[in-house]
Amino acid sequence: MGLTAILESIERETAAEADRQLEAARAEAAGLIAAAESAAQRRLDAAVVGAEPLLRAEAARIVNAARLRQLRRRSALAAAQSDGAWARAREQLAAIVAEDGPRWHAGLAAIATEALAMAGADAIVAVRAADAPPIEALVAAAGAAIEPLPDDAPTGLLVRSADRRLEVDARRDVRLERARTALVEG
């Protein structure tokens, strides 16, 4: 064998050895890549599992915040609607009072009866002088006294027990506000 043949044989063996090493390196790299992908997937799955309660909590917080905004909007709309209704009710009641007719006298008598039942005997009924005549007999029958107020005082009654421990405020605006509060809260 000649030198050329030996060199060619060495080159072939070297090339074959290089191909085997390259193939082994490729196989090892593929194994490392597969192991790395598997490890990354496990870490990702663990992170998702760990983050899931946080994500659920954040989603619940967002839903609750949206519900609260909606509740506030509804409340504001209801308040705006009720403001108009209460203004009309106040106007209608003012018209009934200004009329000074049987409807107002009957309403005033009913309010006085209820307030006197709570305040007891010897109560003091503070009422506008113009509103006193329709309830004078009722107040006297209950053993109470009328304390006249100026005619520019609020309409309705303010009844105090004799010992002044109990006060029944049945003035028009106070009763309207109590009714409004009861409707809004109820």
Protein backbone atom coordinates (compact mmCIF):
# COMPACT_ATOMS: atom_id res chain seq x y z
CA MET A 1 0.00 0.00 0.00
CA GLY A 2 1.12 3.25 -0.88
CA LEU A 3 1.22 6.44 0.98
CA THR A 4 -1.74 7.77 -0.92
CA ALA A 5 -3.85 4.78 -0.03
CA ILE A 6 -2.90 5.11 3.65
CA LEU A 7 -3.82 8.79 3.62
CA GLU A 8 -7.13 8.03 1.92
CA SER A 9 -7.87 5.30 4.46
CA ILE A 10 -7.08 7.65 7.36
CA GLU A 11 -9.27 10.33 5.82
CA ARG A 12 -12.18 7.89 5.44
CA GLU A 13 -11.83 6.63 8.99
CA THR A 14 -11.52 10.20 10.28
CA ALA A 15 -14.61 11.28 8.31
CA ALA A 16 -16.55 8.25 9.54
CA GLU A 17 -15.46 8.94 13.13
CA ALA A 18 -16.45 12.62 12.74
CA ASP A 19 -19.87 11.56 11.37
CA ARG A 20 -20.37 9.18 14.33
CA GLN A 21 -19.38 11.88 16.84
CA LEU A 22 -21.63 14.40 15.08
CA GLU A 23 -24.55 11.96 15.14
CA ALA A 24 -23.90 11.21 18.83
CA ALA A 25 -23.75 14.96 19.58
CA ARG A 26 -27.03 15.49 17.69
CA ALA A 27 -28.70 12.65 19.64
CA GLU A 28 -27.37 14.03 22.93
CA ALA A 29 -28.58 17.55 22.01
CA ALA A 30 -32.02 16.18 21.09
CA GLY A 31 -32.16 14.40 24.46
CA LEU A 32 -31.12 17.59 26.30
CA ILE A 33 -33.70 19.64 24.38
CA ALA A 34 -36.46 17.10 25.15
CA ALA A 35 -35.46 17.06 28.85
CA ALA A 36 -35.37 20.88 28.94
CA GLU A 37 -38.79 21.14 27.24
CA SER A 38 -40.22 18.60 29.68
CA ALA A 39 -38.74 20.46 32.67
CA ALA A 40 -40.03 23.79 31.34
CA GLN A 41 -43.51 22.31 30.84
CA ARG A 42 -43.49 20.96 34.41
CA ARG A 43 -42.42 24.37 35.76
CA LEU A 44 -45.12 26.08 33.65
CA ASP A 45 -47.78 23.63 34.88
CA ALA A 46 -46.67 24.19 38.48
CA ALA A 47 -46.76 27.99 37.99
CA VAL A 48 -50.26 27.79 36.49
CA VAL A 49 -51.46 25.60 39.36
CA GLY A 50 -49.88 28.01 41.84
CA ALA A 51 -51.31 31.08 40.12
CA GLU A 52 -54.82 29.66 39.67
CA PRO A 53 -56.06 30.66 43.17
CA LEU A 54 -54.65 34.16 42.63
CA LEU A 55 -56.32 34.39 39.22
CA ARG A 56 -59.63 33.21 40.67
CA ALA A 57 -59.36 35.72 43.51
CA GLU A 58 -58.58 38.53 41.08
CA ALA A 59 -61.49 37.52 38.86
CA ALA A 60 -63.82 37.51 41.89
CA ARG A 61 -62.53 40.94 42.91
CA ILE A 62 -63.16 42.31 39.42
CA VAL A 63 -66.68 40.84 39.37
CA ASN A 64 -67.42 42.25 42.84
CA ALA A 65 -66.14 45.68 41.83
CA ALA A 66 -68.36 45.61 38.73
CA ARG A 67 -71.36 44.57 40.84
CA LEU A 68 -70.66 47.39 43.29
CA ARG A 69 -70.46 49.93 40.44
CA GLN A 70 -73.73 48.62 39.06
CA LEU A 71 -75.36 48.79 42.51
CA ARG A 72 -74.17 52.38 42.94
CA ARG A 73 -75.50 53.31 39.49
CA ARG A 74 -78.86 51.73 40.30
CA SER A 75 -78.92 53.50 43.64
CA ALA A 76 -78.14 56.85 42.00
CA LEU A 77 -80.88 56.30 39.42
CA ALA A 78 -83.35 55.27 42.11
CA ALA A 79 -82.43 58.32 44.17
CA ALA A 80 -82.91 60.58 41.16
CA GLN A 81 -86.30 59.04 40.48
CA SER A 82 -87.31 59.19 44.12
CA ASP A 83 -86.21 62.83 44.37
CA GLY A 84 -88.76 63.73 41.73
CA ALA A 85 -91.46 61.61 43.38
CA TRP A 86 -90.75 63.14 46.78
CA ALA A 87 -90.82 66.65 45.35
CA ARG A 88 -94.24 65.91 43.83
CA ALA A 89 -95.44 64.37 47.12
CA ARG A 90 -94.23 67.43 49.02
CA GLU A 91 -96.04 69.72 46.55
CA GLN A 92 -99.26 67.71 46.78
CA LEU A 93 -99.16 67.69 50.57
CA ALA A 94 -98.46 71.43 50.59
CA ALA A 95 -101.52 71.91 48.36
CA ILE A 96 -103.66 69.85 50.76
CA VAL A 97 -102.39 71.91 53.72
CA ALA A 98 -102.93 75.19 51.86
CA GLU A 99 -106.48 74.13 51.02
CA ASP A 100 -107.11 73.84 54.78
CA GLY A 101 -110.03 71.58 54.09
CA PRO A 102 -111.43 68.34 55.48
CA ARG A 103 -108.60 66.19 54.08
CA TRP A 104 -106.00 68.15 56.00
CA HIS A 105 -108.12 68.29 59.15
CA ALA A 106 -108.71 64.51 59.04
CA GLY A 107 -105.00 63.86 58.45
CA LEU A 108 -104.02 66.18 61.26
CA ALA A 109 -106.51 64.49 63.60
CA ALA A 110 -105.11 61.04 62.73
CA ILE A 111 -101.55 62.24 63.32
CA ALA A 112 -102.56 63.86 66.64
CA THR A 113 -104.36 60.70 67.80
CA GLU A 114 -101.30 58.56 67.06
CA ALA A 115 -98.88 61.01 68.71
CA LEU A 116 -101.07 61.51 71.81
CA ALA A 117 -101.35 57.75 72.27
CA MET A 118 -97.56 57.61 72.53
CA ALA A 119 -97.07 60.74 74.65
CA GLY A 120 -99.78 60.01 77.20
CA ALA A 121 -101.86 62.31 79.43
CA ASP A 122 -100.78 65.90 80.09
CA ALA A 123 -98.86 65.97 76.80
CA ILE A 124 -98.13 69.26 75.08
CA VAL A 125 -99.09 69.55 71.40
CA ALA A 126 -97.17 72.23 69.56
CA VAL A 127 -99.08 73.12 66.39
CA ARG A 128 -99.52 76.14 64.13
CA ALA A 129 -102.29 78.39 65.43
CA ALA A 130 -104.15 77.97 62.12
CA ASP A 131 -104.11 74.17 62.51
CA ALA A 132 -105.20 74.12 66.18
CA PRO A 133 -109.03 74.45 65.85
CA PRO A 134 -109.64 71.09 64.10
CA ILE A 135 -107.81 69.15 66.84
CA GLU A 136 -108.72 71.16 69.97
CA ALA A 137 -111.48 68.77 71.07
CA LEU A 138 -109.28 65.72 70.42
CA VAL A 139 -106.39 67.20 72.41
CA ALA A 140 -108.68 68.19 75.30
CA ALA A 141 -110.24 64.71 75.38
CA ALA A 142 -106.76 63.20 75.71
CA GLY A 143 -105.96 65.47 78.65
CA ALA A 144 -103.30 67.33 76.69
CA ALA A 145 -102.72 71.02 76.01
CA ILE A 146 -102.08 72.94 72.81
CA GLU A 147 -99.07 75.17 72.50
CA PRO A 148 -99.76 77.43 69.52
CA LEU A 149 -96.92 78.11 67.10
CA PRO A 150 -96.69 80.95 64.60
CA ASP A 151 -98.41 80.29 61.27
CA ASP A 152 -95.06 80.33 59.44
CA ALA A 153 -93.93 77.31 61.51
CA PRO A 154 -93.77 73.94 59.73
CA THR A 155 -97.09 72.17 59.31
CA GLY A 156 -97.89 69.13 61.41
CA LEU A 157 -97.45 68.52 65.12
CA LEU A 158 -94.74 68.27 67.70
CA VAL A 159 -96.03 66.38 70.75
CA ARG A 160 -94.04 66.18 73.99
CA SER A 161 -94.85 64.08 77.03
CA ALA A 162 -95.49 65.95 80.27
CA ASP A 163 -92.05 64.99 81.61
CA ARG A 164 -90.51 65.97 78.23
CA ARG A 165 -88.78 62.57 77.98
CA LEU A 166 -90.68 61.65 74.84
CA GLU A 167 -91.09 63.79 71.78
CA VAL A 168 -93.13 62.76 68.74
CA ASP A 169 -92.11 64.87 65.78
CA ALA A 170 -94.96 64.61 63.29
CA ARG A 171 -94.22 67.69 61.23
CA ARG A 172 -94.83 67.35 57.51
CA ASP A 173 -91.21 67.40 56.32
CA VAL A 174 -90.07 65.06 59.10
CA ARG A 175 -92.82 62.54 58.29
CA LEU A 176 -92.03 62.72 54.57
CA GLU A 177 -88.33 62.11 55.23
CA ARG A 178 -89.13 59.18 57.54
CA ALA A 179 -91.35 57.64 54.86
CA ARG A 180 -88.63 58.17 52.26
CA THR A 181 -86.01 56.55 54.46
CA ALA A 182 -88.30 53.59 55.18
CA LEU A 183 -88.89 53.08 51.45
CA VAL A 184 -85.23 53.41 50.51
CA GLU A 185 -84.04 51.07 53.28
CA GLY A 186 -86.95 48.67 53.02
